[in-house]
PDB file of all heavy atoms in Angstrom:
ATOM      1  N   LEU A   1      17.402 -15.371 -11.396  1.00  0.00           N
ATOM      2  CA  LEU A   1      17.796 -14.284 -10.543  1.00  0.00           C
ATOM      3  C   LEU A   1      19.226 -13.816 -10.853  1.00  0.00           C
ATOM      4  O   LEU A   1      20.137 -14.612 -10.856  1.00  0.00           O
ATOM      5  CB  LEU A   1      17.726 -14.725  -9.074  1.00  0.00           C
ATOM      6  CG  LEU A   1      17.936 -13.639  -8.031  1.00  0.00           C
ATOM      7  CD1 LEU A   1      16.788 -12.617  -8.079  1.00  0.00           C
ATOM      8  CD2 LEU A   1      18.030 -14.244  -6.626  1.00  0.00           C
ATOM      9  N   GLN A   2      19.334 -12.516 -11.125  1.00  0.00           N
ATOM     10  CA  GLN A   2      20.642 -11.952 -11.487  1.00  0.00           C
ATOM     11  C   GLN A   2      21.432 -11.613 -10.211  1.00  0.00           C
ATOM     12  O   GLN A   2      20.890 -11.353  -9.151  1.00  0.00           O
ATOM     13  CB  GLN A   2      20.431 -10.698 -12.313  1.00  0.00           C
ATOM     14  CG  GLN A   2      19.613 -10.903 -13.590  1.00  0.00           C
ATOM     15  CD  GLN A   2      20.302 -11.864 -14.548  1.00  0.00           C
ATOM     16  OE1 GLN A   2      21.340 -11.619 -15.110  1.00  0.00           O
ATOM     17  NE2 GLN A   2      19.657 -13.008 -14.781  1.00  0.00           N
ATOM     18  N   GLU A   3      22.750 -11.661 -10.331  1.00  0.00           N
ATOM     19  CA  GLU A   3      23.625 -11.452  -9.193  1.00  0.00           C
ATOM     20  C   GLU A   3      23.357 -10.072  -8.585  1.00  0.00           C
ATOM     21  O   GLU A   3      23.331  -9.060  -9.277  1.00  0.00           O
ATOM     22  CB  GLU A   3      25.068 -11.572  -9.631  1.00  0.00           C
ATOM     23  CG  GLU A   3      26.048 -11.486  -8.454  1.00  0.00           C
ATOM     24  CD  GLU A   3      27.487 -11.720  -8.867  1.00  0.00           C
ATOM     25  OE1 GLU A   3      27.719 -12.087 -10.043  1.00  0.00           O
ATOM     26  OE2 GLU A   3      28.370 -11.544  -8.042  1.00  0.00           O
ATOM     27  N   GLY A   4      23.201 -10.048  -7.283  1.00  0.00           N
ATOM     28  CA  GLY A   4      22.954  -8.797  -6.554  1.00  0.00           C
ATOM     29  C   GLY A   4      21.520  -8.337  -6.546  1.00  0.00           C
ATOM     30  O   GLY A   4      21.202  -7.306  -5.937  1.00  0.00           O
ATOM     31  N   TYR A   5      20.603  -9.165  -7.092  1.00  0.00           N
ATOM     32  CA  TYR A   5      19.179  -8.804  -7.138  1.00  0.00           C
ATOM     33  C   TYR A   5      18.339  -9.714  -6.248  1.00  0.00           C
ATOM     34  O   TYR A   5      18.784 -10.829  -5.889  1.00  0.00           O
ATOM     35  CB  TYR A   5      18.639  -8.865  -8.566  1.00  0.00           C
ATOM     36  CG  TYR A   5      19.087  -7.677  -9.454  1.00  0.00           C
ATOM     37  CD1 TYR A   5      20.392  -7.648 -10.009  1.00  0.00           C
ATOM     38  CD2 TYR A   5      18.232  -6.673  -9.745  1.00  0.00           C
ATOM     39  CE1 TYR A   5      20.800  -6.588 -10.801  1.00  0.00           C
ATOM     40  CE2 TYR A   5      18.634  -5.587 -10.550  1.00  0.00           C
ATOM     41  CZ  TYR A   5      19.895  -5.560 -11.073  1.00  0.00           C
ATOM     42  OH  TYR A   5      20.270  -4.508 -11.884  1.00  0.00           O
ATOM     43  N   GLU A   6      17.140  -9.271  -5.918  1.00  0.00           N
ATOM     44  CA  GLU A   6      16.173 -10.079  -5.195  1.00  0.00           C
ATOM     45  C   GLU A   6      14.815 -10.061  -5.912  1.00  0.00           C
ATOM     46  O   GLU A   6      14.483  -9.071  -6.593  1.00  0.00           O
ATOM     47  CB  GLU A   6      15.981  -9.522  -3.746  1.00  0.00           C
ATOM     48  CG  GLU A   6      17.247  -9.643  -2.899  1.00  0.00           C
ATOM     49  CD  GLU A   6      17.515 -11.041  -2.386  1.00  0.00           C
ATOM     50  OE1 GLU A   6      16.687 -11.932  -2.622  1.00  0.00           O
ATOM     51  OE2 GLU A   6      18.543 -11.260  -1.708  1.00  0.00           O
ATOM     52  N   HIS A   7      14.023 -11.091  -5.728  1.00  0.00           N
ATOM     53  CA  HIS A   7      12.681 -11.128  -6.336  1.00  0.00           C
ATOM     54  C   HIS A   7      11.706 -10.249  -5.576  1.00  0.00           C
ATOM     55  O   HIS A   7      11.575 -10.373  -4.334  1.00  0.00           O
ATOM     56  CB  HIS A   7      12.160 -12.568  -6.338  1.00  0.00           C
ATOM     57  CG  HIS A   7      12.820 -13.470  -7.339  1.00  0.00           C
ATOM     58  ND1 HIS A   7      12.664 -13.297  -8.708  1.00  0.00           N
ATOM     59  CD2 HIS A   7      13.629 -14.556  -7.164  1.00  0.00           C
ATOM     60  CE1 HIS A   7      13.368 -14.243  -9.353  1.00  0.00           C
ATOM     61  NE2 HIS A   7      13.925 -14.995  -8.422  1.00  0.00           N
ATOM     62  N   TYR A   8      10.970  -9.411  -6.304  1.00  0.00           N
ATOM     63  CA  TYR A   8       9.972  -8.544  -5.712  1.00  0.00           C
ATOM     64  C   TYR A   8       8.720  -8.531  -6.577  1.00  0.00           C
ATOM     65  O   TYR A   8       8.749  -8.929  -7.761  1.00  0.00           O
ATOM     66  CB  TYR A   8      10.485  -7.066  -5.624  1.00  0.00           C
ATOM     67  CG  TYR A   8      11.247  -6.775  -4.360  1.00  0.00           C
ATOM     68  CD1 TYR A   8      12.544  -7.210  -4.209  1.00  0.00           C
ATOM     69  CD2 TYR A   8      10.665  -5.999  -3.362  1.00  0.00           C
ATOM     70  CE1 TYR A   8      13.267  -6.891  -3.044  1.00  0.00           C
ATOM     71  CE2 TYR A   8      11.393  -5.687  -2.198  1.00  0.00           C
ATOM     72  CZ  TYR A   8      12.703  -6.108  -2.063  1.00  0.00           C
ATOM     73  OH  TYR A   8      13.412  -5.803  -0.950  1.00  0.00           O
ATOM     74  N   ILE A   9       7.600  -8.079  -6.000  1.00  0.00           N
ATOM     75  CA  ILE A   9       6.367  -7.740  -6.724  1.00  0.00           C
ATOM     76  C   ILE A   9       6.147  -6.262  -6.546  1.00  0.00           C
ATOM     77  O   ILE A   9       6.211  -5.745  -5.408  1.00  0.00           O
ATOM     78  CB  ILE A   9       5.164  -8.553  -6.220  1.00  0.00           C
ATOM     79  CG1 ILE A   9       5.377 -10.043  -6.503  1.00  0.00           C
ATOM     80  CG2 ILE A   9       3.871  -8.070  -6.872  1.00  0.00           C
ATOM     81  CD1 ILE A   9       4.245 -10.928  -5.923  1.00  0.00           C
ATOM     82  N   VAL A  10       5.840  -5.561  -7.607  1.00  0.00           N
ATOM     83  CA  VAL A  10       5.518  -4.131  -7.532  1.00  0.00           C
ATOM     84  C   VAL A  10       4.069  -3.961  -7.936  1.00  0.00           C
ATOM     85  O   VAL A  10       3.558  -4.620  -8.845  1.00  0.00           O
ATOM     86  CB  VAL A  10       6.468  -3.282  -8.390  1.00  0.00           C
ATOM     87  CG1 VAL A  10       6.334  -3.640  -9.887  1.00  0.00           C
ATOM     88  CG2 VAL A  10       6.176  -1.818  -8.209  1.00  0.00           C
ATOM     89  N   LYS A  11       3.350  -3.085  -7.251  1.00  0.00           N
ATOM     90  CA  LYS A  11       1.944  -2.821  -7.534  1.00  0.00           C
ATOM     91  C   LYS A  11       1.748  -1.447  -8.136  1.00  0.00           C
ATOM     92  O   LYS A  11       2.455  -0.519  -7.811  1.00  0.00           O
ATOM     93  CB  LYS A  11       1.141  -2.919  -6.223  1.00  0.00           C
ATOM     94  CG  LYS A  11       1.133  -4.290  -5.541  1.00  0.00           C
ATOM     95  CD  LYS A  11       0.225  -4.236  -4.323  1.00  0.00           C
ATOM     96  CE  LYS A  11       0.166  -5.592  -3.603  1.00  0.00           C
ATOM     97  NZ  LYS A  11      -0.760  -5.535  -2.478  1.00  0.00           N
ATOM     98  N   PHE A  12       0.714  -1.369  -9.004  1.00  0.00           N
ATOM     99  CA  PHE A  12       0.347  -0.091  -9.642  1.00  0.00           C
ATOM    100  C   PHE A  12      -1.122   0.246  -9.277  1.00  0.00           C
ATOM    101  O   PHE A  12      -1.906  -0.619  -8.960  1.00  0.00           O
ATOM    102  CB  PHE A  12       0.483  -0.197 -11.172  1.00  0.00           C
ATOM    103  CG  PHE A  12       1.832  -0.688 -11.651  1.00  0.00           C
ATOM    104  CD1 PHE A  12       1.973  -1.888 -12.263  1.00  0.00           C
ATOM    105  CD2 PHE A  12       2.966   0.054 -11.402  1.00  0.00           C
ATOM    106  CE1 PHE A  12       3.204  -2.356 -12.698  1.00  0.00           C
ATOM    107  CE2 PHE A  12       4.213  -0.364 -11.773  1.00  0.00           C
ATOM    108  CZ  PHE A  12       4.318  -1.568 -12.434  1.00  0.00           C
ATOM    109  N   PRO A  13      -1.447   1.556  -9.336  1.00  0.00           N
ATOM    110  CA  PRO A  13      -2.816   1.936  -9.006  1.00  0.00           C
ATOM    111  C   PRO A  13      -3.816   1.348 -10.016  1.00  0.00           C
ATOM    112  O   PRO A  13      -3.508   1.256 -11.203  1.00  0.00           O
ATOM    113  CB  PRO A  13      -2.771   3.485  -9.089  1.00  0.00           C
ATOM    114  CG  PRO A  13      -1.353   3.867  -8.932  1.00  0.00           C
ATOM    115  CD  PRO A  13      -0.586   2.710  -9.561  1.00  0.00           C
ATOM    116  N   SER A  14      -4.991   0.965  -9.528  1.00  0.00           N
ATOM    117  CA  SER A  14      -6.070   0.575 -10.405  1.00  0.00           C
ATOM    118  C   SER A  14      -6.862   1.819 -10.781  1.00  0.00           C
ATOM    119  O   SER A  14      -6.519   2.939 -10.363  1.00  0.00           O
ATOM    120  CB  SER A  14      -6.995  -0.432  -9.732  1.00  0.00           C
ATOM    121  OG  SER A  14      -7.760   0.219  -8.695  1.00  0.00           O
ATOM    122  N   ALA A  15      -7.908   1.623 -11.610  1.00  0.00           N
ATOM    123  CA  ALA A  15      -8.689   2.758 -12.048  1.00  0.00           C
ATOM    124  C   ALA A  15      -9.447   3.461 -10.954  1.00  0.00           C
ATOM    125  O   ALA A  15      -9.806   4.625 -11.034  1.00  0.00           O
ATOM    126  CB  ALA A  15      -9.651   2.274 -13.125  1.00  0.00           C
ATOM    127  N   THR A  16      -9.646   2.771  -9.832  1.00  0.00           N
ATOM    128  CA  THR A  16     -10.432   3.338  -8.715  1.00  0.00           C
ATOM    129  C   THR A  16      -9.548   3.765  -7.546  1.00  0.00           C
ATOM    130  O   THR A  16     -10.053   4.287  -6.541  1.00  0.00           O
ATOM    131  CB  THR A  16     -11.477   2.307  -8.190  1.00  0.00           C
ATOM    132  OG1 THR A  16     -10.775   1.123  -7.797  1.00  0.00           O
ATOM    133  CG2 THR A  16     -12.494   1.963  -9.294  1.00  0.00           C
ATOM    134  N   ASP A  17      -8.237   3.605  -7.656  1.00  0.00           N
ATOM    135  CA  ASP A  17      -7.325   3.975  -6.579  1.00  0.00           C
ATOM    136  C   ASP A  17      -6.940   5.430  -6.662  1.00  0.00           C
ATOM    137  O   ASP A  17      -6.881   6.028  -7.742  1.00  0.00           O
ATOM    138  CB  ASP A  17      -6.046   3.108  -6.618  1.00  0.00           C
ATOM    139  CG  ASP A  17      -6.258   1.665  -6.193  1.00  0.00           C
ATOM    140  OD1 ASP A  17      -7.117   1.440  -5.306  1.00  0.00           O
ATOM    141  OD2 ASP A  17      -5.601   0.786  -6.750  1.00  0.00           O
ATOM    142  N   THR A  18      -6.571   5.982  -5.494  1.00  0.00           N
ATOM    143  CA  THR A  18      -5.905   7.301  -5.507  1.00  0.00           C
ATOM    144  C   THR A  18      -4.452   7.118  -5.983  1.00  0.00           C
ATOM    145  O   THR A  18      -3.910   6.003  -5.897  1.00  0.00           O
ATOM    146  CB  THR A  18      -5.915   7.911  -4.102  1.00  0.00           C
ATOM    147  OG1 THR A  18      -5.255   7.024  -3.194  1.00  0.00           O
ATOM    148  CG2 THR A  18      -7.364   8.139  -3.626  1.00  0.00           C
ATOM    149  N   GLN A  19      -3.839   8.169  -6.439  1.00  0.00           N
ATOM    150  CA  GLN A  19      -2.509   8.071  -6.938  1.00  0.00           C
ATOM    151  C   GLN A  19      -1.495   7.666  -5.882  1.00  0.00           C
ATOM    152  O   GLN A  19      -0.443   7.136  -6.203  1.00  0.00           O
ATOM    153  CB  GLN A  19      -2.097   9.419  -7.572  1.00  0.00           C
ATOM    154  CG  GLN A  19      -2.636   9.620  -8.983  1.00  0.00           C
ATOM    155  CD  GLN A  19      -2.051   8.616  -9.965  1.00  0.00           C
ATOM    156  OE1 GLN A  19      -2.672   7.603 -10.309  1.00  0.00           O
ATOM    157  NE2 GLN A  19      -0.832   8.880 -10.459  1.00  0.00           N
ATOM    158  N   ASP A  20      -1.811   7.947  -4.632  1.00  0.00           N
ATOM    159  CA  ASP A  20      -0.821   7.661  -3.547  1.00  0.00           C
ATOM    160  C   ASP A  20      -1.143   6.339  -2.880  1.00  0.00           C
ATOM    161  O   ASP A  20      -0.705   6.103  -1.743  1.00  0.00           O
ATOM    162  CB  ASP A  20      -0.800   8.795  -2.549  1.00  0.00           C
ATOM    163  CG  ASP A  20      -2.153   9.038  -1.889  1.00  0.00           C
ATOM    164  OD1 ASP A  20      -3.168   8.484  -2.352  1.00  0.00           O
ATOM    165  OD2 ASP A  20      -2.197   9.827  -0.915  1.00  0.00           O
ATOM    166  N   ILE A  21      -1.847   5.418  -3.540  1.00  0.00           N
ATOM    167  CA  ILE A  21      -2.145   4.122  -2.937  1.00  0.00           C
ATOM    168  C   ILE A  21      -0.890   3.374  -2.578  1.00  0.00           C
ATOM    169  O   ILE A  21      -0.812   2.656  -1.559  1.00  0.00           O
ATOM    170  CB  ILE A  21      -3.072   3.279  -3.862  1.00  0.00           C
ATOM    171  CG1 ILE A  21      -3.526   1.992  -3.186  1.00  0.00           C
ATOM    172  CG2 ILE A  21      -2.353   2.989  -5.188  1.00  0.00           C
ATOM    173  CD1 ILE A  21      -4.453   2.211  -2.024  1.00  0.00           C
ATOM    174  N   GLY A  22       0.179   3.521  -3.377  1.00  0.00           N
ATOM    175  CA  GLY A  22       1.446   2.856  -3.105  1.00  0.00           C
ATOM    176  C   GLY A  22       2.065   3.353  -1.792  1.00  0.00           C
ATOM    177  O   GLY A  22       2.592   2.586  -1.005  1.00  0.00           O
ATOM    178  N   LYS A  23       2.031   4.667  -1.624  1.00  0.00           N
ATOM    179  CA  LYS A  23       2.544   5.242  -0.386  1.00  0.00           C
ATOM    180  C   LYS A  23       1.784   4.793   0.850  1.00  0.00           C
ATOM    181  O   LYS A  23       2.368   4.490   1.895  1.00  0.00           O
ATOM    182  CB  LYS A  23       2.537   6.769  -0.462  1.00  0.00           C
ATOM    183  CG  LYS A  23       3.590   7.376  -1.425  1.00  0.00           C
ATOM    184  CD  LYS A  23       3.537   8.906  -1.313  1.00  0.00           C
ATOM    185  CE  LYS A  23       4.669   9.530  -2.161  1.00  0.00           C
ATOM    186  NZ  LYS A  23       4.666  10.973  -2.086  1.00  0.00           N
ATOM    187  N   LEU A  24       0.482   4.659   0.684  1.00  0.00           N
ATOM    188  CA  LEU A  24      -0.357   4.256   1.824  1.00  0.00           C
ATOM    189  C   LEU A  24      -0.036   2.795   2.220  1.00  0.00           C
ATOM    190  O   LEU A  24       0.101   2.514   3.407  1.00  0.00           O
ATOM    191  CB  LEU A  24      -1.848   4.440   1.490  1.00  0.00           C
ATOM    192  CG  LEU A  24      -2.811   4.126   2.609  1.00  0.00           C
ATOM    193  CD1 LEU A  24      -2.519   5.001   3.841  1.00  0.00           C
ATOM    194  CD2 LEU A  24      -4.247   4.309   2.139  1.00  0.00           C
ATOM    195  N   GLU A  25       0.075   1.928   1.218  1.00  0.00           N
ATOM    196  CA  GLU A  25       0.372   0.544   1.550  1.00  0.00           C
ATOM    197  C   GLU A  25       1.773   0.419   2.148  1.00  0.00           C
ATOM    198  O   GLU A  25       2.053  -0.406   3.031  1.00  0.00           O
ATOM    199  CB  GLU A  25       0.256  -0.342   0.326  1.00  0.00           C
ATOM    200  CG  GLU A  25       0.359  -1.831   0.680  1.00  0.00           C
ATOM    201  CD  GLU A  25      -0.101  -2.784  -0.389  1.00  0.00           C
ATOM    202  OE1 GLU A  25      -0.614  -2.323  -1.424  1.00  0.00           O
ATOM    203  OE2 GLU A  25      -0.020  -4.005  -0.176  1.00  0.00           O
ATOM    204  N   TYR A  26       2.693   1.270   1.680  1.00  0.00           N
ATOM    205  CA  TYR A  26       4.053   1.288   2.297  1.00  0.00           C
ATOM    206  C   TYR A  26       3.970   1.729   3.747  1.00  0.00           C
ATOM    207  O   TYR A  26       4.638   1.087   4.627  1.00  0.00           O
ATOM    208  CB  TYR A  26       4.955   2.221   1.460  1.00  0.00           C
ATOM    209  CG  TYR A  26       6.377   2.299   2.031  1.00  0.00           C
ATOM    210  CD1 TYR A  26       7.193   1.165   1.972  1.00  0.00           C
ATOM    211  CD2 TYR A  26       6.867   3.451   2.559  1.00  0.00           C
ATOM    212  CE1 TYR A  26       8.502   1.231   2.469  1.00  0.00           C
ATOM    213  CE2 TYR A  26       8.182   3.554   3.022  1.00  0.00           C
ATOM    214  CZ  TYR A  26       8.979   2.405   3.019  1.00  0.00           C
ATOM    215  OH  TYR A  26      10.258   2.481   3.479  1.00  0.00           O
ATOM    216  N   ILE A  27       3.187   2.741   4.064  1.00  0.00           N
ATOM    217  CA  ILE A  27       3.003   3.153   5.433  1.00  0.00           C
ATOM    218  C   ILE A  27       2.475   2.030   6.284  1.00  0.00           C
ATOM    219  O   ILE A  27       2.955   1.791   7.400  1.00  0.00           O
ATOM    220  CB  ILE A  27       2.031   4.382   5.491  1.00  0.00           C
ATOM    221  CG1 ILE A  27       2.760   5.656   4.947  1.00  0.00           C
ATOM    222  CG2 ILE A  27       1.572   4.645   6.942  1.00  0.00           C
ATOM    223  CD1 ILE A  27       1.812   6.822   4.729  1.00  0.00           C
ATOM    224  N   TYR A  28       1.493   1.313   5.769  1.00  0.00           N
ATOM    225  CA  TYR A  28       0.911   0.199   6.474  1.00  0.00           C
ATOM    226  C   TYR A  28       1.923  -0.910   6.747  1.00  0.00           C
ATOM    227  O   TYR A  28       1.903  -1.573   7.785  1.00  0.00           O
ATOM    228  CB  TYR A  28      -0.329  -0.347   5.790  1.00  0.00           C
ATOM    229  CG  TYR A  28      -1.612   0.298   6.270  1.00  0.00           C
ATOM    230  CD1 TYR A  28      -1.804   1.678   6.266  1.00  0.00           C
ATOM    231  CD2 TYR A  28      -2.646  -0.456   6.786  1.00  0.00           C
ATOM    232  CE1 TYR A  28      -2.970   2.268   6.718  1.00  0.00           C
ATOM    233  CE2 TYR A  28      -3.833   0.080   7.267  1.00  0.00           C
ATOM    234  CZ  TYR A  28      -3.986   1.478   7.218  1.00  0.00           C
ATOM    235  OH  TYR A  28      -5.130   2.027   7.706  1.00  0.00           O
ATOM    236  N   SER A  29       2.795  -1.114   5.791  1.00  0.00           N
ATOM    237  CA  SER A  29       3.842  -2.137   6.004  1.00  0.00           C
ATOM    238  C   SER A  29       4.792  -1.765   7.087  1.00  0.00           C
ATOM    239  O   SER A  29       5.253  -2.595   7.869  1.00  0.00           O
ATOM    240  CB  SER A  29       4.592  -2.392   4.668  1.00  0.00           C
ATOM    241  OG  SER A  29       5.509  -1.350   4.357  1.00  0.00           O
ATOM    242  N   LEU A  30       5.098  -0.451   7.202  1.00  0.00           N
ATOM    243  CA  LEU A  30       5.966   0.021   8.312  1.00  0.00           C
ATOM    244  C   LEU A  30       5.251  -0.114   9.658  1.00  0.00           C
ATOM    245  O   LEU A  30       5.869  -0.526  10.643  1.00  0.00           O
ATOM    246  CB  LEU A  30       6.335   1.503   8.045  1.00  0.00           C
ATOM    247  CG  LEU A  30       7.128   1.820   6.767  1.00  0.00           C
ATOM    248  CD1 LEU A  30       7.387   3.309   6.700  1.00  0.00           C
ATOM    249  CD2 LEU A  30       8.405   1.021   6.743  1.00  0.00           C
ATOM    250  N   MET A  31       3.977   0.244   9.686  1.00  0.00           N
ATOM    251  CA  MET A  31       3.217   0.086  10.920  1.00  0.00           C
ATOM    252  C   MET A  31       3.144  -1.368  11.346  1.00  0.00           C
ATOM    253  O   MET A  31       3.303  -1.698  12.551  1.00  0.00           O
ATOM    254  CB  MET A  31       1.769   0.663  10.767  1.00  0.00           C
ATOM    255  CG  MET A  31       1.701   2.131  10.673  1.00  0.00           C
ATOM    256  SD  MET A  31       0.002   2.803  10.998  1.00  0.00           S
ATOM    257  CE  MET A  31      -0.950   1.930   9.733  1.00  0.00           C
ATOM    258  N   ALA A  32       2.914  -2.233  10.389  1.00  0.00           N
ATOM    259  CA  ALA A  32       2.783  -3.666  10.700  1.00  0.00           C
ATOM    260  C   ALA A  32       4.081  -4.244  11.221  1.00  0.00           C
ATOM    261  O   ALA A  32       4.132  -4.996  12.190  1.00  0.00           O
ATOM    262  CB  ALA A  32       2.333  -4.423   9.481  1.00  0.00           C
ATOM    263  N   ARG A  33       5.180  -3.809  10.610  1.00  0.00           N
ATOM    264  CA  ARG A  33       6.476  -4.290  11.061  1.00  0.00           C
ATOM    265  C   ARG A  33       6.778  -3.810  12.507  1.00  0.00           C
ATOM    266  O   ARG A  33       7.279  -4.562  13.315  1.00  0.00           O
ATOM    267  CB  ARG A  33       7.571  -3.835  10.111  1.00  0.00           C
ATOM    268  CG  ARG A  33       8.937  -4.479  10.386  1.00  0.00           C
ATOM    269  CD  ARG A  33       9.967  -4.123   9.300  1.00  0.00           C
ATOM    270  NE  ARG A  33       9.625  -4.775   8.060  1.00  0.00           N
ATOM    271  CZ  ARG A  33       9.155  -4.132   6.937  1.00  0.00           C
ATOM    272  NH1 ARG A  33       9.003  -2.800   6.954  1.00  0.00           N
ATOM    273  NH2 ARG A  33       8.857  -4.810   5.869  1.00  0.00           N
ATOM    274  N   ASP A  34       6.430  -2.564  12.766  1.00  0.00           N
ATOM    275  CA  ASP A  34       6.634  -2.041  14.093  1.00  0.00           C
ATOM    276  C   ASP A  34       5.697  -2.705  15.122  1.00  0.00           C
ATOM    277  O   ASP A  34       5.993  -2.731  16.327  1.00  0.00           O
ATOM    278  CB  ASP A  34       6.439  -0.531  14.131  1.00  0.00           C
ATOM    279  CG  ASP A  34       7.630   0.211  13.570  1.00  0.00           C
ATOM    280  OD1 ASP A  34       8.662  -0.442  13.270  1.00  0.00           O
ATOM    281  OD2 ASP A  34       7.552   1.457  13.365  1.00  0.00           O
ATOM    282  N   ALA A  35       4.590  -3.234  14.611  1.00  0.00           N
ATOM    283  CA  ALA A  35       3.667  -3.960  15.501  1.00  0.00           C
ATOM    284  C   ALA A  35       4.060  -5.394  15.709  1.00  0.00           C
ATOM    285  O   ALA A  35       3.308  -6.198  16.251  1.00  0.00           O
ATOM    286  CB  ALA A  35       2.260  -3.909  14.892  1.00  0.00           C
ATOM    287  N   LYS A  36       5.284  -5.765  15.246  1.00  0.00           N
ATOM    288  CA  LYS A  36       5.884  -7.068  15.413  1.00  0.00           C
ATOM    289  C   LYS A  36       5.168  -8.128  14.580  1.00  0.00           C
ATOM    290  O   LYS A  36       5.241  -9.310  14.919  1.00  0.00           O
ATOM    291  CB  LYS A  36       5.964  -7.479  16.893  1.00  0.00           C
ATOM    292  CG  LYS A  36       6.787  -6.539  17.768  1.00  0.00           C
ATOM    293  CD  LYS A  36       6.868  -7.020  19.191  1.00  0.00           C
ATOM    294  CE  LYS A  36       7.713  -6.072  20.052  1.00  0.00           C
ATOM    295  NZ  LYS A  36       7.758  -6.484  21.454  1.00  0.00           N
ATOM    296  N   ILE A  37       4.554  -7.720  13.519  1.00  0.00           N
ATOM    297  CA  ILE A  37       3.967  -8.644  12.553  1.00  0.00           C
ATOM    298  C   ILE A  37       5.109  -9.097  11.594  1.00  0.00           C
ATOM    299  O   ILE A  37       5.890  -8.257  11.148  1.00  0.00           O
ATOM    300  CB  ILE A  37       2.776  -8.009  11.807  1.00  0.00           C
ATOM    301  CG1 ILE A  37       1.578  -7.851  12.741  1.00  0.00           C
ATOM    302  CG2 ILE A  37       2.416  -8.849  10.586  1.00  0.00           C
ATOM    303  CD1 ILE A  37       0.441  -7.106  12.164  1.00  0.00           C
ATOM    304  N   GLN A  38       5.128 -10.386  11.311  1.00  0.00           N
ATOM    305  CA  GLN A  38       6.127 -10.884  10.369  1.00  0.00           C
ATOM    306  C   GLN A  38       5.820 -10.347   8.989  1.00  0.00           C
ATOM    307  O   GLN A  38       4.820 -10.708   8.407  1.00  0.00           O
ATOM    308  CB  GLN A  38       6.138 -12.406  10.399  1.00  0.00           C
ATOM    309  CG  GLN A  38       7.222 -13.006   9.476  1.00  0.00           C
ATOM    310  CD  GLN A  38       7.141 -14.492   9.372  1.00  0.00           C
ATOM    311  OE1 GLN A  38       6.231 -15.128   9.952  1.00  0.00           O
ATOM    312  NE2 GLN A  38       8.058 -15.115   8.661  1.00  0.00           N
TER     313      GLN A  38
END
């Protein structure tokens, strides 16, 4: 781990996904956090 960085995983669309699949999962992560899910 380099100074000032954090470990992440990034996802890419599969052959059957819509191009905005990343945006949709991001929206769901915001909803889940607001729903008090860890």
